[in-house]
Protein backbone atom coordinates (compact mmCIF):
# COMPACT_ATOMS: atom_id res chain seq x y z
CA MET A 1 386.89 358.24 63.11
CA SER A 2 383.78 358.37 65.21
CA ARG A 3 380.55 359.83 65.28
CA ALA A 4 381.46 361.77 68.62
CA GLN A 5 383.58 363.68 67.10
CA ILE A 6 381.00 365.20 65.00
CA ALA A 7 379.35 367.44 67.40
CA ARG A 8 380.13 370.96 65.99
CA ILE A 9 379.56 372.25 62.29
CA ALA A 10 380.35 375.48 60.79
CA ILE A 11 378.50 376.69 57.93
CA PHE A 12 379.52 379.15 55.52
CA GLY A 13 377.29 380.73 52.82
CA GLY A 14 374.05 379.58 51.03
CA GLY A 15 371.75 381.96 52.40
CA ALA A 16 368.39 380.17 53.12
CA ALA A 17 369.64 376.83 52.00
CA GLY A 18 372.49 377.03 54.40
CA ALA A 19 370.15 378.54 57.24
CA GLU A 20 368.28 375.32 56.49
CA ILE A 21 370.97 372.70 56.97
CA ALA A 22 371.77 374.48 60.14
CA ARG A 23 368.37 374.10 61.23
CA ALA A 24 368.56 370.57 60.60
CA ALA A 25 371.37 370.02 62.87
CA LEU A 26 370.33 371.98 65.66
CA GLU A 27 367.18 370.54 65.64
CA ALA A 28 369.67 366.89 66.11
CA GLY A 29 371.21 368.71 69.11
CA LEU A 30 374.59 369.78 67.40
CA ALA A 31 376.27 373.27 67.92
CA VAL A 32 376.34 374.85 64.92
CA ALA A 33 378.26 378.15 63.57
CA LEU A 34 376.54 379.70 60.47
CA LEU A 35 378.89 382.29 58.75
CA GLU A 36 377.62 384.59 55.95
CA GLU A 37 379.43 386.90 53.63
CA ASP A 38 377.49 390.04 54.67
CA ALA A 39 375.66 391.25 57.98
CA GLY A 40 372.38 391.36 56.60
CA ALA A 41 372.46 387.94 55.49
CA ALA A 42 373.72 386.90 59.19
CA GLU A 43 370.90 388.92 60.34
CA ARG A 44 368.27 387.11 58.41
CA ALA A 45 369.36 383.90 59.27
CA ALA A 46 369.65 384.52 62.84
CA HIS A 47 366.04 386.06 62.90
CA TYR A 48 364.90 382.82 60.87
CA LEU A 49 366.29 380.38 62.63
CA ARG A 50 365.54 381.63 66.31
CA ARG A 51 361.51 382.35 65.28
CA ALA A 52 361.69 378.91 64.07
CA LEU A 53 363.56 376.85 67.12
CA PRO A 54 362.79 376.35 70.35
CA ALA A 55 364.97 378.01 72.61
CA ARG A 56 367.25 375.45 73.72
CA HIS A 57 368.42 374.49 70.22
CA ALA A 58 368.72 378.30 69.26
CA ALA A 59 371.23 378.41 72.30
CA ASN A 60 373.36 376.26 70.26
CA LEU A 61 373.79 378.61 67.02
CA THR A 62 376.60 381.20 66.21
CA VAL A 63 375.60 383.54 63.52
CA GLY A 64 378.30 386.03 62.39
CA THR A 65 380.43 386.68 58.83
CA ASP A 66 384.02 385.90 61.14
CA LEU A 67 385.53 382.74 59.69
CA GLY A 68 387.63 382.61 63.17
CA ALA A 69 384.15 381.29 64.59
CA ALA A 70 384.65 377.84 62.89
CA ASN A 71 387.76 377.34 64.55
CA GLY A 72 387.81 374.20 66.50
CA PHE A 73 384.73 372.68 64.62
CA ASP A 74 384.67 369.32 63.65
CA LEU A 75 382.88 369.42 60.43
CA ALA A 76 382.68 372.59 57.77
CA ILE A 77 380.19 372.72 55.20
CA GLU A 78 380.53 375.13 52.62
CA ALA A 79 377.40 375.89 51.00
CA SER A 80 377.76 379.18 49.16
CA ARG A 81 376.88 379.61 45.35
CA ALA A 82 380.52 381.14 44.95
CA PRO A 83 382.18 380.95 41.55
CA ALA A 84 384.71 377.75 41.46
CA PRO A 85 388.05 380.06 42.05
CA ALA A 86 386.33 381.84 44.90
CA LEU A 87 384.80 378.51 46.44
CA ALA A 88 388.17 377.19 46.38
CA LYS A 89 389.54 380.17 48.55
CA LEU A 90 386.75 379.77 50.95
CA VAL A 91 387.00 376.03 51.51
CA ALA A 92 390.78 376.84 52.09
CA ALA A 93 389.91 379.51 54.43
CA LEU A 94 387.50 377.40 56.37
CA ALA A 95 390.46 374.52 56.37
CA ALA A 96 392.62 376.98 58.07
CA GLN A 97 390.18 377.85 60.87
CA SER A 98 389.56 374.23 61.51
CA ALA A 99 392.44 372.05 60.80
CA GLN A 100 391.19 368.89 62.61
CA GLY A 101 387.97 368.85 61.07
CA LEU A 102 386.23 367.96 57.95
CA ILE A 103 385.69 370.46 54.84
CA ALA A 104 382.14 369.12 53.01
CA ALA A 105 381.49 371.18 49.81
CA GLN A 106 377.87 370.90 49.29
CA VAL A 107 377.38 369.99 45.70
CA MET A 108 374.31 370.77 44.34
CA ARG A 109 375.63 371.89 40.61
CA ASP A 110 378.30 370.36 39.23
CA THR A 111 381.07 367.88 40.70
CA ALA A 112 383.85 369.38 38.60
CA ASP A 113 384.54 371.79 41.17
CA LEU A 114 385.99 369.02 43.75
CA PRO A 115 389.06 368.58 42.23
CA ALA A 116 389.95 372.22 42.70
CA LEU A 117 388.59 372.24 46.12
CA ALA A 118 390.63 369.35 46.89
CA ALA A 119 393.80 370.90 45.93
CA ALA A 120 393.13 374.00 47.96
CA LEU A 121 393.16 371.69 51.16
CA PRO A 122 396.40 371.06 53.19
CA ASP A 123 394.44 367.44 53.49
CA PRO A 124 392.70 366.38 50.66
CA ALA A 125 391.67 363.10 52.32
CA ARG A 126 389.02 365.31 54.47
CA LEU A 127 387.25 366.55 51.62
CA CYS A 128 383.79 365.35 50.30
CA GLY A 129 380.65 366.68 48.50
CA LEU A 130 377.11 366.47 49.39
CA ALA A 131 374.12 367.36 47.66
CA ILE A 132 371.48 368.04 50.52
CA ALA A 133 367.73 367.85 49.39
CA ALA A 134 366.05 371.26 50.15
CA PRO A 135 364.41 372.17 52.60
CA ALA A 136 367.10 369.87 54.61
CA HIS A 137 365.42 370.05 57.72
CA LEU A 138 362.62 368.45 56.07
CA ARG A 139 364.03 366.30 53.53
CA ARG A 140 365.43 362.87 54.61
CA LEU A 141 367.70 362.07 51.85
CA ILE A 142 371.76 363.08 51.75
CA GLU A 143 373.87 362.41 49.07
CA ILE A 144 377.92 361.74 49.76
CA ILE A 145 380.00 362.52 46.51
CA PRO A 146 383.58 361.80 47.39
CA ALA A 147 386.35 363.19 45.38
CA PRO A 148 389.06 361.10 44.14
CA GLN A 149 391.46 361.46 47.12
CA THR A 150 388.55 361.29 49.71
CA ALA A 151 389.38 359.08 52.44
CA PRO A 152 386.78 356.26 53.51
CA GLU A 153 387.06 357.50 56.97
CA THR A 154 385.58 360.79 55.79
CA VAL A 155 382.82 359.17 54.14
CA ALA A 156 381.96 356.97 57.33
CA ALA A 157 382.01 360.17 59.31
CA ILE A 158 379.80 362.24 57.10
CA GLU A 159 377.56 358.93 57.21
CA ASP A 160 377.50 359.26 60.96
CA PHE A 161 376.42 363.06 60.49
CA ALA A 162 373.35 361.95 58.30
CA ALA A 163 372.59 359.51 60.47
CA ALA A 164 372.82 361.94 63.31
CA LEU A 165 370.36 364.14 61.39
CA GLY A 166 367.93 361.50 61.05
CA LYS A 167 368.68 361.06 57.11
CA ILE A 168 368.96 358.30 55.02
CA ALA A 169 372.58 358.78 53.02
CA ILE A 170 373.61 357.03 49.97
CA THR A 171 376.34 357.37 47.56
CA PRO A 172 375.42 357.57 44.03
CA ALA A 173 377.53 355.83 41.33
CA ARG A 174 377.19 358.91 38.94
CA GLY A 175 376.99 361.59 40.77
CA PRO A 176 374.27 363.35 42.71
CA LEU A 177 370.60 362.26 41.73
CA VAL A 178 368.87 365.19 43.87
CA PRO A 179 369.52 368.25 41.73
CA THR A 180 368.57 366.48 38.68
CA LEU A 181 365.00 365.09 40.46
CA ALA A 182 364.35 368.33 41.57
CA ALA A 183 365.22 370.16 38.72
CA ARG A 184 362.69 368.01 36.74
CA LEU A 185 359.80 368.02 39.71
CA TYR A 186 360.36 371.83 39.48
CA HIS A 187 360.39 372.13 35.68
CA ALA A 188 357.15 370.08 35.41
CA ALA A 189 355.22 372.62 38.08
CA ASP A 190 356.80 375.43 36.52
CA THR A 191 355.20 374.41 33.14
CA LEU A 192 352.12 373.92 34.73
CA LEU A 193 352.24 377.46 36.19
CA LEU A 194 353.33 379.12 33.07
CA ASP A 195 350.33 377.32 31.50
CA GLY A 196 347.82 378.93 33.91
CA SER A 197 347.71 377.01 37.22
CA THR A 198 348.97 378.81 40.45
CA PRO A 199 351.55 378.16 42.72
CA TRP A 200 349.10 377.11 45.65
CA GLU A 201 347.04 374.73 43.34
CA ILE A 202 349.79 372.64 42.04
CA ASP A 203 350.94 372.81 45.76
CA GLU A 204 347.93 371.34 47.14
CA ALA A 205 347.67 368.68 44.47
CA MET A 206 351.19 367.96 45.18
CA GLU A 207 350.73 367.44 48.98
CA ALA A 208 347.55 365.59 48.36
CA TYR A 209 349.99 363.09 46.55
CA GLY A 210 352.34 363.00 49.26
CA LEU A 211 355.11 365.38 48.47
CA SER A 212 355.50 367.62 51.62
CA PRO A 213 356.75 370.26 51.42
CA PRO A 214 355.43 370.68 48.23
CA PRO A 215 357.57 372.55 45.20
CA TYR A 216 356.47 376.10 45.71
CA GLU A 217 356.30 375.96 49.45
CA ALA A 218 359.74 374.33 49.49
CA GLN A 219 360.92 376.74 47.51
CA ASP A 220 359.99 379.53 50.03
CA LEU A 221 361.97 377.41 52.80
CA SER A 222 365.36 377.13 50.96
CA GLY A 223 365.38 380.31 49.21
CA LEU A 224 364.22 381.69 45.84
CA ASP A 225 367.70 382.60 44.82
CA ALA A 226 368.94 378.94 45.50
CA ALA A 227 365.76 377.98 43.40
CA LEU A 228 366.68 380.40 40.40
CA SER A 229 370.17 379.53 40.31
CA ALA A 230 369.62 375.43 40.57
CA ARG A 231 366.66 376.30 37.34
CA ARG A 232 369.64 377.99 35.55
CA GLY A 233 372.31 375.53 36.15
CA ALA A 234 370.00 372.74 35.35
CA ASP A 235 370.70 370.66 32.02
CA LEU A 236 367.19 370.50 31.05
CA PRO A 237 366.69 370.62 27.04
CA GLY A 238 363.53 372.95 25.95
CA ALA A 239 363.01 373.91 29.78
CA ARG A 240 361.55 377.45 30.14
CA GLU A 241 362.32 380.12 32.31
CA ILE A 242 359.90 381.87 34.51
CA PRO A 243 360.62 385.35 34.19
CA ILE A 244 358.55 386.07 37.58
CA LEU A 245 360.90 384.27 39.49
CA SER A 246 364.12 386.04 38.35
CA ARG A 247 362.06 389.30 39.13
CA MET A 248 360.87 388.28 42.56
CA VAL A 249 364.64 387.48 43.47
CA GLN A 250 365.67 391.00 42.17
CA GLU A 251 363.03 392.58 44.24
CA GLY A 252 364.12 390.89 47.30
CA ARG A 253 361.25 388.40 47.63
CA LEU A 254 363.50 385.54 48.77
CA GLY A 255 361.02 383.29 50.67
CA ALA A 256 360.89 382.52 54.38
CA GLN A 257 363.95 384.32 55.68
CA ALA A 258 362.72 387.65 53.92
CA GLY A 259 359.03 387.04 55.09
CA VAL A 260 357.62 387.00 51.22
CA GLY A 261 358.50 384.89 48.33
CA TRP A 262 355.72 382.73 46.22
CA TYR A 263 353.31 383.04 49.36
């Protein structure tokens, strides 16, 4: 399975996080179909990407809600935060539309979903989990999380895909590291926020330390709904939830795509 086979990718769901993966692929010169569950999400994603990208990259973008747009693509990335049973149905539907492609579940929460996803596919050997550091177009790390049935050729193809995006691909021995590291970073930032600091003070200090984009700017880029989901899914004993974050999500203050978030 050669690198030349991955020139067209389909991404389903994920909101701002899915749009950031699309942006990374478009900036690498790949053709992208970004498929959302509803027209409103698709419109927000299209507006963000066409505003953020040069016309030559935006010309390779298709945005919509029809799974048929995934037909003939080389790599399908399921990036939504649907419950596991619904996730399996979505992955199976994507597989039906792109029978010759790869199906990659972006696993940012629970690798226990992988066996159920594999069972939903006609060829489980073509399933591979991913953990992509957010925001995807700025971070350099992609973690490959093979399922028990994943073929070595599938892993090699995903490694080539990561290289095409200019990213470092690793295969951790005990599950994805990115979600755990990100959860601890955001927990530390949230503790400072609850104790009287501000998002911009924390971001300024972290950027001076060398982290770019810093925590709250990164959340605006990858979506506050994704940030809230990650916080609630993290297994961090003693972690405090920020009431303001859930309130912001309820009010539609989702970050860059919505035009308002932490900033």
